[in-house]
N, C-alpha and C. Protein backbone atom coordinates (compact mmCIF):
# COMPACT_ATOMS: atom_id res chain seq x y z
N MET A 1 -3.96 -0.93 14.71
CA MET A 1 -2.70 -0.93 13.96
C MET A 1 -2.76 -1.98 12.85
N SER A 2 -3.27 -3.15 13.18
CA SER A 2 -3.33 -4.24 12.19
C SER A 2 -4.10 -3.78 10.96
N PHE A 3 -5.25 -3.15 11.18
CA PHE A 3 -6.07 -2.71 10.05
C PHE A 3 -5.30 -1.71 9.19
N ALA A 4 -4.68 -0.74 9.82
CA ALA A 4 -3.90 0.28 9.09
C ALA A 4 -2.79 -0.39 8.29
N ALA A 5 -2.08 -1.30 8.91
CA ALA A 5 -0.97 -1.99 8.23
C ALA A 5 -1.52 -2.78 7.04
N SER A 6 -2.65 -3.43 7.23
CA SER A 6 -3.25 -4.23 6.15
C SER A 6 -3.64 -3.32 4.99
N VAL A 7 -4.25 -2.19 5.29
CA VAL A 7 -4.67 -1.25 4.25
C VAL A 7 -3.46 -0.75 3.47
N LEU A 8 -2.40 -0.38 4.19
CA LEU A 8 -1.19 0.14 3.53
C LEU A 8 -0.58 -0.91 2.62
N THR A 9 -0.76 -2.18 3.00
CA THR A 9 -0.19 -3.26 2.20
C THR A 9 -1.07 -3.59 1.01
N LEU A 10 -2.40 -3.54 1.21
CA LEU A 10 -3.33 -3.88 0.13
C LEU A 10 -3.58 -2.70 -0.80
N TYR A 11 -3.55 -1.48 -0.27
CA TYR A 11 -3.81 -0.30 -1.09
C TYR A 11 -2.96 -0.26 -2.35
N PRO A 12 -1.63 -0.28 -2.21
CA PRO A 12 -0.75 -0.25 -3.39
C PRO A 12 -0.93 -1.48 -4.28
N ALA A 13 -1.34 -2.59 -3.68
CA ALA A 13 -1.53 -3.83 -4.44
C ALA A 13 -2.75 -3.69 -5.35
N MET A 14 -3.80 -3.03 -4.85
CA MET A 14 -5.02 -2.86 -5.64
C MET A 14 -4.91 -1.67 -6.57
N PHE A 15 -4.14 -0.66 -6.15
CA PHE A 15 -3.98 0.55 -6.96
C PHE A 15 -2.51 0.85 -7.20
N PRO A 16 -1.84 0.03 -8.01
CA PRO A 16 -0.42 0.22 -8.30
C PRO A 16 -0.16 1.54 -9.02
N GLY A 17 0.99 2.14 -8.73
CA GLY A 17 1.30 3.43 -9.36
C GLY A 17 2.19 4.25 -8.44
N ALA A 18 1.87 5.53 -8.26
CA ALA A 18 2.66 6.40 -7.40
C ALA A 18 2.71 5.84 -5.98
N LEU A 19 1.54 5.41 -5.46
CA LEU A 19 1.49 4.88 -4.10
C LEU A 19 2.31 3.62 -3.98
N GLY A 20 2.14 2.72 -4.91
CA GLY A 20 2.87 1.46 -4.89
C GLY A 20 4.37 1.70 -4.94
N LEU A 21 4.78 2.57 -5.85
CA LEU A 21 6.21 2.85 -5.99
C LEU A 21 6.75 3.52 -4.74
N SER A 22 5.97 4.42 -4.16
CA SER A 22 6.42 5.14 -2.97
C SER A 22 6.60 4.18 -1.80
N LEU A 23 5.60 3.29 -1.60
CA LEU A 23 5.67 2.33 -0.50
C LEU A 23 6.72 1.26 -0.77
N ALA A 24 6.83 0.86 -2.04
CA ALA A 24 7.78 -0.18 -2.40
C ALA A 24 9.21 0.36 -2.30
N GLY A 25 9.36 1.67 -2.45
CA GLY A 25 10.70 2.25 -2.37
C GLY A 25 11.30 2.34 -3.75
């Protein structure tokens, strides 16, 4: 779970855009 949570948090940070906006709300 930790790894998945970390990826979800870092993914949008490294690749801002649709994913970042979607996760950020």
